Amino acid sequence: MRELYKSKAFVWTLLILFLLIWFYMLGARTLVPTDEGRYAEMAREMVATQDWITTRLNGIKYFEKPPLQTWMNAITFELFGLGEWQARLWTGLNGLFGIALVAYTGRRVFNERVGFYAPLVLASSLFWAAMGHINSLDMGLAGMMTLSICALLLAQRTEADRDEQRNWMLLCWAGMALAVLSKGLIGIVLPGAVLILYTLFSRDWAIWKRLHMIKGLLLFFLITTPWFVLVSMKNPEFPQFFFIHEHFQRFTTKIHSRTGPWYYFIPILVAGILPWLAIMAQSLWGGLNEDRSGAGNFTSLSEGRFQPRKMLLVWSVFIFVFFSISDSKLPSYILPIFPTLALLIACYLERASSKAIVWSAALVALMCAIGMGFISRVPELAKDAYSLPLLTAHVPWIYAAAITAFVGAVLAIRFARSQRDLAVVLLAASSFIAGQLLMLGHDPQGRYSAGIDYVPALQAELTPQTPMYLVGRYEQALPFYLQRTMTMVRHADELEFGLKQEPQLWLPTIDAFVAQWMANHAAGKKDIAIMDPQVYKDLKERGIPMRLIGQDPRRVIVANDPPTAGEPAKVTP
């Protein structure tokens, strides 16, 4: 049996091909609302205003999240200009960082084959690979939390001398600090709770002596404190909103209307861990029943017994349960458990027979075979005639993804007994490519959601002085693509808190908007508005002067000036 993980030529070839696809896909699609447009626009405004303390969205104070990702995106824009791949670069790098961390940790804490399998498992997991190409905060959080857990594992391993133990633990504390700057207090609350549960579960009381807590806390506060102090000094309303509203109330109430049943994350995990679903339960069981006599039994410098697989298990299960019982749920909240699951799955694969690979591949092949019988019915999911061709355009990409995953699974079954490493690579590579094909084929729907096809027509209408209004809706991506903020009307959306602080930045009623629209019309001053279709219908019935620029089921774009001779027809992508 050829051991591919020992072949430098094979590993480097595989890595280069993977990186080419990974980085290409960062710029292959339109920024899709809501998260991608929001966080790209926040960074664009930070660059435009050079205010690196008070984060804003559409020119309005926006304190829902800390600034690390906005800072990183803004730095990227400063260095490379505005664009899709630039907006996703920090997210993409965090995805790669997590993959590299599990590779290094698997090799140093367990063995070389685990270090080879773990990055293959994580990179091919549908959810991790997808979220690595979506500009959202959760991959940044997951990257920093992966640093925390991997650094902890590396610090507690048997071979670590005192200097290594200290340095890795300081990196663990730094990871928690950066996680806090990524998304808030969960960056330290979740790892802290995991440590307590691990201690109770494994009876490894000595681990608390090995945390370098005094130095770690000093480093943690050195990293996190400056921004929190500065933003609170500039914005006295920040502490109550951020710490009470965005943390305590978000977890314990339905204030954000992001509720879901207790099983909300189960289908996300089931689909997201593919193609390794068939062996996930066995891998978790392996963490529960750690072999204390062989690999995985660690005696620390202070004679405590550290059990890395149990730590991985507690991390995975607790974070999953924590968000399952929360009253605020979004799919990407469980992203931080995928690196630890990848390490557990890699540990299981390294010890299990070839049947583990066969079962994983067979399940993927079966799902693809069944799925191909239903792909032709995807267009039936269209909500309206406008969406029908967009879904129809996705169908060939879904077929390509299903065929790719099916062929890879069949080849993995073929080589599972004779060339085990190759079988794992084939299953991982085909699943990764299939996932990227699905995302690439979604772009027509993404363009519709973002409204990007209207950008040329709007740019032809606009001057720097032209007022723009968002009436009864908020556009998350168009402000970034048009490189300008807009005045909101009636619909405060997620900017309600910021608008309470600066009410002069919006028009709270339709009547206030109509008065301003009509006054500018009478004065010969052009205004542009992007409206909810129902609002447009109501204003049209009232006889409000509006020249149609473009429309679709999501939005209507109008100007308040009359059409000129020879004007082209309205834009309807």
Protein backbone atom coordinates (compact mmCIF):
# COMPACT_ATOMS: atom_id res chain seq x y z
CA MET A 1 0.00 0.00 0.00
CA ARG A 2 1.49 3.32 -1.09
CA GLU A 3 1.55 5.90 1.69
CA LEU A 4 0.80 9.12 -0.20
CA TYR A 5 1.15 11.36 2.83
CA LYS A 6 4.91 10.62 2.76
CA SER A 7 5.25 11.76 -0.87
CA LYS A 8 6.26 15.44 -0.88
CA ALA A 9 5.68 15.69 -4.63
CA PHE A 10 2.11 14.42 -4.30
CA VAL A 11 1.28 16.56 -1.27
CA TRP A 12 2.65 19.75 -2.85
CA THR A 13 0.88 19.08 -6.16
CA LEU A 14 -2.40 18.51 -4.34
CA LEU A 15 -1.90 21.64 -2.25
CA ILE A 16 -1.14 23.88 -5.23
CA LEU A 17 -4.18 22.67 -7.18
CA PHE A 18 -6.36 23.17 -4.11
CA LEU A 19 -5.08 26.71 -3.52
CA LEU A 20 -5.64 27.66 -7.17
CA ILE A 21 -9.30 26.66 -6.92
CA TRP A 22 -9.73 28.19 -3.45
CA PHE A 23 -8.38 31.62 -4.41
CA TYR A 24 -10.07 31.67 -7.82
CA MET A 25 -13.44 31.10 -6.21
CA LEU A 26 -13.04 34.10 -3.90
CA GLY A 27 -13.72 36.40 -6.83
CA ALA A 28 -15.87 34.19 -9.04
CA ARG A 29 -19.26 35.31 -7.74
CA THR A 30 -21.23 38.44 -6.93
CA LEU A 31 -21.38 39.53 -3.28
CA VAL A 32 -24.71 38.15 -2.08
CA PRO A 33 -26.91 39.88 0.50
CA THR A 34 -27.17 40.09 3.36
CA ASP A 35 -23.83 39.41 5.02
CA GLU A 36 -21.52 39.77 2.03
CA GLY A 37 -22.82 43.16 0.96
CA ARG A 38 -23.07 44.43 4.55
CA TYR A 39 -19.52 43.67 5.62
CA ALA A 40 -18.00 44.79 2.34
CA GLU A 41 -19.85 48.12 2.59
CA MET A 42 -18.82 48.66 6.22
CA ALA A 43 -15.18 48.24 5.23
CA ARG A 44 -15.59 50.52 2.20
CA GLU A 45 -17.05 53.24 4.43
CA MET A 46 -14.21 52.78 6.91
CA VAL A 47 -11.73 53.41 4.12
CA ALA A 48 -13.73 56.40 2.81
CA THR A 49 -14.07 58.07 6.23
CA GLN A 50 -10.77 56.86 7.74
CA ASP A 51 -12.68 56.34 11.00
CA TRP A 52 -11.25 53.07 12.36
CA ILE A 53 -13.07 53.25 15.71
CA THR A 54 -16.80 53.83 15.06
CA THR A 55 -18.10 51.19 12.65
CA ARG A 56 -20.89 52.35 10.33
CA LEU A 57 -23.23 50.84 7.77
CA ASN A 58 -24.82 53.12 5.19
CA GLY A 59 -23.32 56.03 7.13
CA ILE A 60 -25.18 54.99 10.32
CA LYS A 61 -23.60 53.72 13.55
CA TYR A 62 -23.57 49.94 13.54
CA PHE A 63 -22.45 48.30 16.77
CA GLU A 64 -23.82 44.77 16.44
CA LYS A 65 -20.35 43.27 16.02
CA PRO A 66 -16.71 44.11 16.89
CA PRO A 67 -14.44 45.48 14.16
CA LEU A 68 -11.78 42.86 13.39
CA GLN A 69 -13.25 41.71 10.07
CA THR A 70 -14.11 45.28 9.06
CA TRP A 71 -10.52 46.28 9.81
CA MET A 72 -9.11 43.39 7.79
CA ASN A 73 -11.43 44.04 4.84
CA ALA A 74 -10.61 47.76 4.95
CA ILE A 75 -6.89 47.01 4.93
CA THR A 76 -7.45 44.70 1.96
CA PHE A 77 -9.34 47.47 0.11
CA GLU A 78 -6.55 49.93 0.90
CA LEU A 79 -3.96 47.54 -0.52
CA PHE A 80 -5.80 46.02 -3.49
CA GLY A 81 -8.83 48.20 -4.23
CA LEU A 82 -12.53 47.32 -4.11
CA GLY A 83 -13.82 44.04 -5.47
CA GLU A 84 -15.34 40.67 -4.73
CA TRP A 85 -12.16 38.72 -4.06
CA GLN A 86 -10.84 41.53 -1.90
CA ALA A 87 -14.05 41.50 0.16
CA ARG A 88 -13.73 37.74 0.68
CA LEU A 89 -9.98 37.58 1.22
CA TRP A 90 -10.07 37.68 5.04
CA THR A 91 -12.77 35.01 5.10
CA GLY A 92 -10.86 32.86 2.63
CA LEU A 93 -7.63 33.19 4.58
CA ASN A 94 -9.40 32.16 7.78
CA GLY A 95 -10.78 29.09 6.05
CA LEU A 96 -7.27 28.18 4.90
CA PHE A 97 -5.87 28.99 8.33
CA GLY A 98 -8.26 26.50 9.93
CA ILE A 99 -7.25 23.84 7.40
CA ALA A 100 -3.54 24.48 8.03
CA LEU A 101 -4.04 24.43 11.80
CA VAL A 102 -5.76 21.04 11.83
CA ALA A 103 -3.02 19.67 9.55
CA TYR A 104 -0.25 20.85 11.87
CA THR A 105 -2.11 19.89 15.03
CA GLY A 106 -3.04 16.47 13.70
CA ARG A 107 0.59 15.75 12.85
CA ARG A 108 2.12 17.07 16.10
CA VAL A 109 -0.52 15.88 18.57
CA PHE A 110 -1.38 12.53 16.92
CA ASN A 111 0.67 11.34 13.94
CA GLU A 112 1.57 12.13 10.34
CA ARG A 113 -1.35 10.30 8.79
CA VAL A 114 -3.86 12.15 10.99
CA GLY A 115 -2.07 15.34 9.93
CA PHE A 116 -2.69 14.33 6.31
CA TYR A 117 -6.31 13.26 6.72
CA ALA A 118 -7.54 16.13 8.93
CA PRO A 119 -7.05 18.94 6.37
CA LEU A 120 -8.58 16.74 3.66
CA VAL A 121 -11.65 16.19 5.83
CA LEU A 122 -12.05 19.87 6.73
CA ALA A 123 -11.36 21.27 3.25
CA SER A 124 -13.87 18.89 1.69
CA SER A 125 -16.60 19.36 4.30
CA LEU A 126 -19.37 21.08 2.37
CA PHE A 127 -20.13 23.73 4.99
CA TRP A 128 -16.54 24.76 5.75
CA ALA A 129 -15.58 24.99 2.08
CA ALA A 130 -18.70 27.02 1.31
CA MET A 131 -18.38 29.43 4.25
CA GLY A 132 -14.73 29.95 3.37
CA HIS A 133 -16.00 31.75 0.27
CA ILE A 134 -18.73 33.86 1.87
CA ASN A 135 -17.92 37.24 3.42
CA SER A 136 -19.41 36.73 6.87
CA LEU A 137 -18.15 37.09 10.43
CA ASP A 138 -18.55 33.45 11.36
CA MET A 139 -15.57 32.14 9.40
CA GLY A 140 -13.37 34.79 11.00
CA LEU A 141 -14.66 33.72 14.41
CA ALA A 142 -14.16 30.05 13.53
CA GLY A 143 -10.59 30.71 12.39
CA MET A 144 -9.66 32.41 15.65
CA MET A 145 -11.43 29.79 17.78
CA THR A 146 -9.61 27.08 15.84
CA LEU A 147 -6.37 28.81 16.81
CA SER A 148 -7.48 28.66 20.44
CA ILE A 149 -8.33 24.95 20.51
CA CYS A 150 -5.37 23.84 18.38
CA ALA A 151 -2.91 25.91 20.40
CA LEU A 152 -4.31 24.37 23.58
CA LEU A 153 -3.84 20.85 22.20
CA LEU A 154 -0.29 21.65 21.11
CA ALA A 155 0.57 23.19 24.48
CA GLN A 156 -0.62 20.16 26.44
CA ARG A 157 1.07 17.44 24.39
CA THR A 158 3.70 15.26 26.02
CA GLU A 159 6.60 16.44 23.88
CA ALA A 160 6.10 20.15 24.64
CA ASP A 161 8.84 21.60 26.83
CA ARG A 162 8.13 24.49 29.18
CA ASP A 163 8.86 27.20 26.63
CA GLU A 164 6.68 25.52 24.00
CA GLN A 165 3.88 25.04 26.48
CA ARG A 166 3.98 28.70 27.46
CA ASN A 167 4.16 29.97 23.89
CA TRP A 168 1.33 27.78 22.63
CA MET A 169 -0.85 28.77 25.58
CA LEU A 170 -0.19 32.45 24.86
CA LEU A 171 -1.28 31.80 21.28
CA CYS A 172 -4.41 30.17 22.69
CA TRP A 173 -5.15 33.31 24.71
CA ALA A 174 -4.43 35.48 21.65
CA GLY A 175 -6.84 33.36 19.62
CA MET A 176 -9.59 33.94 22.18
CA ALA A 177 -8.87 37.68 22.17
CA LEU A 178 -9.08 37.85 18.39
CA ALA A 179 -12.27 35.77 18.50
CA VAL A 180 -13.76 38.38 20.84
CA LEU A 181 -12.76 41.11 18.39
CA SER A 182 -14.34 39.03 15.63
CA LYS A 183 -17.76 38.47 17.12
CA GLY A 184 -17.95 39.28 20.80
CA LEU A 185 -17.77 37.58 24.18
CA ILE A 186 -18.50 34.10 22.86
CA GLY A 187 -14.84 34.12 21.77
CA ILE A 188 -13.84 33.50 25.38
CA VAL A 189 -17.10 32.27 26.97
CA LEU A 190 -17.35 29.16 24.77
CA PRO A 191 -13.70 28.03 25.15
CA GLY A 192 -13.94 28.71 28.89
CA ALA A 193 -17.07 26.59 29.23
CA VAL A 194 -15.46 23.82 27.17
CA LEU A 195 -12.46 23.80 29.49
CA ILE A 196 -14.67 23.50 32.58
CA LEU A 197 -16.71 20.68 31.05
CA TYR A 198 -13.58 18.88 29.87
CA THR A 199 -12.13 19.09 33.38
CA LEU A 200 -15.25 17.60 34.92
CA PHE A 201 -15.58 14.97 32.22
CA SER A 202 -11.94 13.80 32.14
CA ARG A 203 -10.97 14.58 35.77
CA ASP A 204 -7.87 16.34 34.44
CA TRP A 205 -7.73 18.94 37.24
CA ALA A 206 -4.05 19.62 36.63
CA ILE A 207 -4.73 21.31 33.32
CA TRP A 208 -5.61 24.50 35.20
CA LYS A 209 -2.01 24.72 36.36
CA ARG A 210 -0.84 24.66 32.75
CA LEU A 211 -2.88 27.54 31.30
CA HIS A 212 -0.38 30.35 32.09
CA MET A 213 -3.44 32.28 33.17
CA ILE A 214 -1.81 35.47 34.45
CA LYS A 215 0.28 36.04 31.33
CA GLY A 216 -2.61 34.87 29.18
CA LEU A 217 -5.12 37.28 30.70
CA LEU A 218 -2.68 40.17 30.39
CA LEU A 219 -2.25 39.34 26.69
CA PHE A 220 -5.99 38.89 26.23
CA PHE A 221 -6.84 42.31 27.68
CA LEU A 222 -3.91 43.96 25.89
CA ILE A 223 -5.44 42.84 22.58
CA THR A 224 -9.13 43.42 23.32
CA THR A 225 -9.30 46.43 25.63
CA PRO A 226 -8.09 49.36 23.43
CA TRP A 227 -10.92 49.28 20.92
CA PHE A 228 -13.65 48.71 23.50
CA VAL A 229 -12.39 51.70 25.52
CA LEU A 230 -11.99 53.98 22.51
CA VAL A 231 -15.36 53.17 20.96
CA SER A 232 -17.10 53.64 24.33
CA MET A 233 -15.42 57.00 24.81
CA LYS A 234 -16.56 58.19 21.39
CA ASN A 235 -20.00 56.55 21.65
CA PRO A 236 -21.35 56.37 25.24
CA GLU A 237 -24.36 54.36 24.03
CA PHE A 238 -22.11 51.50 22.88
CA PRO A 239 -21.61 49.43 26.10
CA GLN A 240 -25.29 48.90 26.90
CA PHE A 241 -26.19 48.01 23.32
CA PHE A 242 -23.22 45.73 22.68
CA PHE A 243 -22.91 43.86 25.97
CA ILE A 244 -26.57 43.67 27.05
CA HIS A 245 -28.61 43.79 23.83
CA GLU A 246 -26.22 41.94 21.54
CA HIS A 247 -25.15 39.26 24.00
CA PHE A 248 -27.51 38.59 26.88
CA GLN A 249 -30.75 39.45 25.08
CA ARG A 250 -29.68 37.79 21.82
CA PHE A 251 -29.09 34.45 23.56
CA THR A 252 -32.02 34.50 26.01
CA THR A 253 -34.79 36.16 23.96
CA LYS A 254 -36.26 36.19 20.47
CA ILE A 255 -35.37 39.87 20.04
CA HIS A 256 -33.64 39.29 16.68
CA SER A 257 -36.38 37.03 15.27
CA ARG A 258 -33.80 34.38 14.42
CA THR A 259 -35.53 31.55 16.16
CA GLY A 260 -35.64 27.89 15.27
CA PRO A 261 -36.55 24.52 16.80
CA TRP A 262 -34.08 22.58 18.95
CA TYR A 263 -33.13 20.45 15.93
CA TYR A 264 -32.41 23.52 13.76
CA PHE A 265 -28.70 22.71 13.37
CA ILE A 266 -29.03 18.95 12.82
CA PRO A 267 -29.74 19.10 9.05
CA ILE A 268 -27.05 21.77 8.70
CA LEU A 269 -24.53 19.48 10.36
CA VAL A 270 -25.69 16.44 8.38
CA ALA A 271 -25.30 18.20 5.04
CA GLY A 272 -22.32 20.28 6.08
CA ILE A 273 -20.08 17.40 7.16
CA LEU A 274 -20.50 15.54 3.87
CA PRO A 275 -18.76 13.49 2.52
CA TRP A 276 -17.86 12.16 6.00
CA LEU A 277 -21.35 11.77 7.44
CA ALA A 278 -21.28 7.96 7.50
CA ILE A 279 -18.39 7.91 10.01
CA MET A 280 -19.17 10.97 12.10
CA ALA A 281 -20.90 9.04 14.91
CA GLN A 282 -18.03 6.54 15.14
CA SER A 283 -15.55 9.41 15.23
CA LEU A 284 -17.39 11.07 18.10
CA TRP A 285 -17.50 7.74 19.94
CA GLY A 286 -13.74 7.50 19.48
CA GLY A 287 -13.41 10.76 21.39
CA LEU A 288 -15.59 9.41 24.17
CA ASN A 289 -13.54 6.23 24.48
CA GLU A 290 -10.01 7.54 24.23
CA ASP A 291 -7.27 4.93 24.34
CA ARG A 292 -5.32 5.79 27.49
CA SER A 293 -2.63 3.23 26.89
CA GLY A 294 -1.42 4.37 23.47
CA ALA A 295 -1.51 7.42 21.25
CA GLY A 296 -3.67 10.05 22.77
CA ASN A 297 -2.50 9.49 26.36
CA PHE A 298 -0.52 12.58 27.37
CA THR A 299 1.41 13.19 30.56
CA SER A 300 1.93 16.91 31.07
CA LEU A 301 4.84 18.68 32.71
CA SER A 302 2.88 18.72 35.95
CA GLU A 303 1.98 15.02 35.77
CA GLY A 304 -1.65 15.56 34.76
CA ARG A 305 -3.24 13.33 32.15
CA PHE A 306 -4.43 15.22 29.06
CA GLN A 307 -6.88 13.53 26.69
CA PRO A 308 -6.95 15.43 23.37
CA ARG A 309 -9.76 13.49 21.72
CA LYS A 310 -11.99 14.10 24.71
CA MET A 311 -11.22 17.80 24.49
CA LEU A 312 -12.19 17.74 20.80
CA LEU A 313 -15.39 15.87 21.62
CA VAL A 314 -16.42 18.28 24.40
CA TRP A 315 -15.70 21.27 22.14
CA SER A 316 -17.81 19.84 19.30
CA VAL A 317 -20.77 18.71 21.39
CA PHE A 318 -20.96 21.67 23.75
CA ILE A 319 -20.86 24.36 21.06
CA PHE A 320 -23.48 22.50 19.05
CA VAL A 321 -25.77 22.19 22.09
CA PHE A 322 -25.11 25.78 23.18
CA PHE A 323 -26.40 27.25 19.93
CA SER A 324 -29.20 24.68 19.70
CA ILE A 325 -30.74 25.93 22.96
CA SER A 326 -30.17 29.59 22.11
CA ASP A 327 -33.14 31.71 21.02
CA SER A 328 -31.01 33.19 18.24
CA LYS A 329 -30.04 30.83 15.43
CA LEU A 330 -28.32 31.23 12.08
CA PRO A 331 -26.79 28.34 10.08
CA SER A 332 -23.18 29.50 10.37
CA TYR A 333 -23.18 29.65 14.18
CA ILE A 334 -21.92 26.04 14.44
CA LEU A 335 -18.99 26.61 12.07
CA PRO A 336 -16.35 26.46 14.90
CA ILE A 337 -17.06 22.76 15.49
CA PHE A 338 -16.01 21.65 12.00
CA PRO A 339 -12.22 21.77 12.62
CA THR A 340 -12.57 19.69 15.79
CA LEU A 341 -14.86 17.24 13.99
CA ALA A 342 -12.26 17.01 11.22
CA LEU A 343 -9.58 16.03 13.73
CA LEU A 344 -11.86 13.42 15.32
CA ILE A 345 -12.80 12.00 11.92
CA ALA A 346 -9.14 11.91 10.87
CA CYS A 347 -8.25 10.05 14.08
CA TYR A 348 -10.97 7.51 13.34
CA LEU A 349 -9.96 7.11 9.69
CA GLU A 350 -6.37 6.53 10.69
CA ARG A 351 -7.34 3.58 12.92
CA ALA A 352 -10.37 2.17 11.11
CA SER A 353 -10.45 -0.43 8.37
CA SER A 354 -11.06 0.36 4.72
CA LYS A 355 -14.77 -0.20 5.37
CA ALA A 356 -14.95 3.28 6.89
CA ILE A 357 -13.95 4.82 3.57
CA VAL A 358 -16.27 2.50 1.67
CA TRP A 359 -19.25 3.44 3.84
CA SER A 360 -18.53 7.17 3.52
CA ALA A 361 -18.14 6.96 -0.25
CA ALA A 362 -21.14 4.67 -0.67
CA LEU A 363 -23.42 7.10 1.17
CA VAL A 364 -22.23 9.96 -1.05
CA ALA A 365 -22.72 7.88 -4.19
CA LEU A 366 -26.21 6.83 -3.09
CA MET A 367 -27.25 10.42 -2.29
CA CYS A 368 -25.94 11.63 -5.66
CA ALA A 369 -27.69 8.84 -7.55
CA ILE A 370 -31.01 9.56 -5.84
CA GLY A 371 -30.52 13.33 -6.14
CA MET A 372 -29.94 13.17 -9.90
CA GLY A 373 -33.46 11.88 -10.28
CA PHE A 374 -34.83 15.10 -8.78
CA ILE A 375 -32.47 17.75 -10.18
CA SER A 376 -34.68 18.36 -13.21
CA ARG A 377 -37.45 19.47 -10.83
CA VAL A 378 -35.38 22.24 -9.25
CA PRO A 379 -37.01 24.95 -11.42
CA GLU A 380 -40.33 24.04 -9.81
CA LEU A 381 -39.04 25.74 -6.65
CA ALA A 382 -39.23 29.14 -8.37
CA LYS A 383 -41.51 31.53 -6.49
CA ASP A 384 -42.36 33.55 -9.59
CA ALA A 385 -41.78 33.70 -13.34
CA TYR A 386 -38.82 36.01 -12.84
CA SER A 387 -36.94 33.46 -10.71
CA LEU A 388 -37.65 30.53 -13.04
CA PRO A 389 -34.78 31.10 -15.52
CA LEU A 390 -32.37 31.76 -12.63
CA LEU A 391 -33.10 28.38 -11.09
CA THR A 392 -33.08 26.75 -14.53
CA ALA A 393 -29.58 28.13 -15.11
CA HIS A 394 -28.44 26.42 -11.92
CA VAL A 395 -29.57 22.96 -13.06
CA PRO A 396 -26.52 22.09 -15.27
CA TRP A 397 -24.19 23.06 -12.42
CA ILE A 398 -26.08 20.84 -9.98
CA TYR A 399 -25.80 17.94 -12.43
CA ALA A 400 -22.08 18.59 -12.82
CA ALA A 401 -21.64 18.67 -9.04
CA ALA A 402 -23.61 15.45 -8.53
CA ILE A 403 -21.71 13.61 -11.26
CA THR A 404 -18.35 14.81 -9.93
CA ALA A 405 -19.15 13.67 -6.38
CA PHE A 406 -20.58 10.36 -7.65
CA VAL A 407 -17.52 9.53 -9.76
CA GLY A 408 -15.18 10.47 -6.92
CA ALA A 409 -17.13 8.29 -4.49
CA VAL A 410 -17.08 5.30 -6.86
CA LEU A 411 -13.32 5.66 -7.37
CA ALA A 412 -12.83 5.93 -3.61
CA ILE A 413 -14.68 2.63 -3.15
CA ARG A 414 -12.53 1.11 -5.90
CA PHE A 415 -9.24 2.05 -4.20
CA ALA A 416 -10.29 1.79 -0.54
CA ARG A 417 -8.62 -1.58 0.04
CA SER A 418 -5.52 -1.30 -2.11
CA GLN A 419 -4.64 2.43 -1.85
CA ARG A 420 -6.30 3.83 1.22
CA ASP A 421 -4.70 7.29 1.13
CA LEU A 422 -5.66 7.72 -2.53
CA ALA A 423 -9.24 6.73 -1.75
CA VAL A 424 -9.47 9.42 0.94
CA VAL A 425 -7.98 11.99 -1.43
CA LEU A 426 -10.40 11.06 -4.23
CA LEU A 427 -13.42 11.32 -1.96
CA ALA A 428 -12.25 14.62 -0.50
CA ALA A 429 -11.22 16.21 -3.80
CA SER A 430 -14.38 15.28 -5.68
CA SER A 431 -16.59 16.53 -2.85
CA PHE A 432 -14.68 19.81 -2.62
CA ILE A 433 -14.97 20.41 -6.37
CA ALA A 434 -18.66 19.47 -6.32
CA GLY A 435 -19.34 22.02 -3.60
CA GLN A 436 -17.55 24.76 -5.52
CA LEU A 437 -19.53 23.92 -8.67
CA LEU A 438 -22.77 24.33 -6.71
CA MET A 439 -21.67 27.76 -5.51
CA LEU A 440 -20.50 28.86 -8.94
CA GLY A 441 -23.82 27.88 -10.51
CA HIS A 442 -25.72 29.92 -7.91
CA ASP A 443 -24.32 33.22 -9.21
CA PRO A 444 -27.34 34.17 -11.38
CA GLN A 445 -29.52 34.00 -8.27
CA GLY A 446 -26.89 35.92 -6.35
CA ARG A 447 -26.83 38.68 -8.97
CA TYR A 448 -30.59 38.99 -8.69
CA SER A 449 -30.45 39.19 -4.89
CA ALA A 450 -27.74 41.82 -5.05
CA GLY A 451 -29.37 43.83 -7.86
CA ILE A 452 -26.00 44.16 -9.54
CA ASP A 453 -27.42 44.15 -13.06
CA TYR A 454 -28.88 47.60 -12.36
CA VAL A 455 -25.50 49.11 -11.53
CA PRO A 456 -24.64 50.33 -15.07
CA ALA A 457 -28.04 52.00 -15.49
CA LEU A 458 -27.78 53.64 -12.06
CA GLN A 459 -24.25 54.84 -12.67
CA ALA A 460 -25.45 56.49 -15.89
CA GLU A 461 -28.13 58.33 -13.89
CA LEU A 462 -26.08 59.40 -10.91
CA THR A 463 -23.77 62.24 -10.11
CA PRO A 464 -22.00 62.62 -6.75
CA GLN A 465 -24.70 65.12 -5.75
CA THR A 466 -27.73 62.98 -6.71
CA PRO A 467 -29.72 61.94 -3.60
CA MET A 468 -30.59 58.26 -3.38
CA TYR A 469 -33.34 56.81 -1.21
CA LEU A 470 -34.16 53.31 -0.01
CA VAL A 471 -37.94 53.30 0.45
CA GLY A 472 -39.53 50.47 2.44
CA ARG A 473 -36.52 48.18 1.99
CA TYR A 474 -32.78 48.06 2.51
CA GLU A 475 -30.31 47.02 -0.16
CA GLN A 476 -27.27 45.27 1.32
CA ALA A 477 -25.06 45.03 -1.77
CA LEU A 478 -25.88 47.98 -4.05
CA PRO A 479 -24.32 50.61 -1.75
CA PHE A 480 -20.99 48.77 -2.07
CA TYR A 481 -21.19 48.38 -5.84
CA LEU A 482 -22.32 52.00 -6.31
CA GLN A 483 -19.79 53.19 -3.70
CA ARG A 484 -22.24 55.48 -1.94
CA THR A 485 -24.59 55.58 1.02
CA MET A 486 -28.35 56.09 0.67
CA THR A 487 -31.09 57.72 2.74
CA MET A 488 -33.41 55.17 4.32
CA VAL A 489 -37.17 55.74 4.37
CA ARG A 490 -39.62 54.12 6.81
CA HIS A 491 -37.80 50.77 6.94
CA ALA A 492 -35.05 50.92 9.58
CA ASP A 493 -34.12 47.25 9.25
CA GLU A 494 -31.08 46.31 11.39
CA LEU A 495 -30.04 49.97 11.61
CA GLU A 496 -32.78 50.88 14.09
CA PHE A 497 -30.38 51.45 16.99
CA GLY A 498 -28.05 53.67 14.97
CA LEU A 499 -30.96 55.70 13.60
CA LYS A 500 -32.19 56.34 17.13
CA GLN A 501 -28.80 57.90 17.86
CA GLU A 502 -28.76 59.93 14.65
CA PRO A 503 -32.40 60.36 13.55
CA GLN A 504 -31.47 63.11 11.11
CA LEU A 505 -29.95 60.47 8.82
CA TRP A 506 -33.26 59.03 7.66
CA LEU A 507 -36.88 59.78 6.80
CA PRO A 508 -39.14 57.79 9.14
CA THR A 509 -42.36 58.12 7.07
CA ILE A 510 -43.42 57.81 3.46
CA ASP A 511 -45.06 61.25 3.67
CA ALA A 512 -41.75 62.84 4.66
CA PHE A 513 -40.12 61.17 1.67
CA VAL A 514 -42.90 62.28 -0.71
CA ALA A 515 -42.57 65.88 0.47
CA GLN A 516 -38.83 65.90 -0.22
CA TRP A 517 -39.23 64.04 -3.52
CA MET A 518 -41.85 66.49 -4.76
CA ALA A 519 -39.87 69.54 -3.63
CA ASN A 520 -36.81 68.38 -5.54
CA HIS A 521 -38.98 67.53 -8.55
CA ALA A 522 -40.42 71.04 -8.57
CA ALA A 523 -36.92 72.51 -8.26
CA GLY A 524 -35.62 70.42 -11.17
CA LYS A 525 -33.30 68.41 -8.91
CA LYS A 526 -33.01 64.71 -9.77
CA ASP A 527 -33.61 62.09 -7.06
CA ILE A 528 -33.26 58.30 -7.38
CA ALA A 529 -35.18 55.84 -5.21
CA ILE A 530 -35.10 52.07 -4.80
CA MET A 531 -38.49 50.99 -3.53
CA ASP A 532 -40.38 48.03 -2.25
CA PRO A 533 -42.80 47.05 -5.08
CA GLN A 534 -45.86 47.61 -2.89
CA VAL A 535 -44.67 51.10 -1.97
CA TYR A 536 -44.17 51.86 -5.66
CA LYS A 537 -47.70 50.69 -6.41
CA ASP A 538 -49.13 52.89 -3.64
CA LEU A 539 -47.19 55.98 -4.73
CA LYS A 540 -48.15 55.43 -8.35
CA GLU A 541 -51.82 55.40 -7.34
CA ARG A 542 -51.23 58.71 -5.55
CA GLY A 543 -49.91 60.23 -8.76
CA ILE A 544 -46.37 60.82 -7.51
CA PRO A 545 -44.08 61.60 -10.49
CA MET A 546 -41.76 58.64 -11.05
CA ARG A 547 -39.74 57.63 -14.09
CA LEU A 548 -39.13 53.89 -14.14
CA ILE A 549 -35.48 52.86 -14.44
CA GLY A 550 -35.79 49.18 -13.60
CA GLN A 551 -37.86 46.67 -11.68
CA ASP A 552 -38.10 43.05 -10.58
CA PRO A 553 -40.13 41.24 -7.90
CA ARG A 554 -37.75 42.48 -5.17
CA ARG A 555 -37.35 46.16 -6.04
CA VAL A 556 -38.42 49.05 -8.23
CA ILE A 557 -35.94 51.78 -9.21
CA VAL A 558 -37.30 55.20 -10.17
CA ALA A 559 -36.22 58.81 -10.71
CA ASN A 560 -38.27 61.94 -10.09
CA ASP A 561 -37.42 63.67 -13.36
CA PRO A 562 -39.39 63.22 -16.61
CA PRO A 563 -38.01 60.98 -19.36
CA THR A 564 -36.04 62.68 -22.12
CA ALA A 565 -36.43 62.15 -25.83
CA GLY A 566 -34.81 58.99 -27.08
CA GLU A 567 -34.40 57.59 -23.57
CA PRO A 568 -33.77 53.82 -23.55
CA ALA A 569 -36.34 51.44 -22.12
CA LYS A 570 -36.34 50.58 -18.45
CA VAL A 571 -33.92 47.96 -17.20
CA THR A 572 -35.40 44.60 -16.31
CA PRO A 573 -32.56 42.09 -16.03
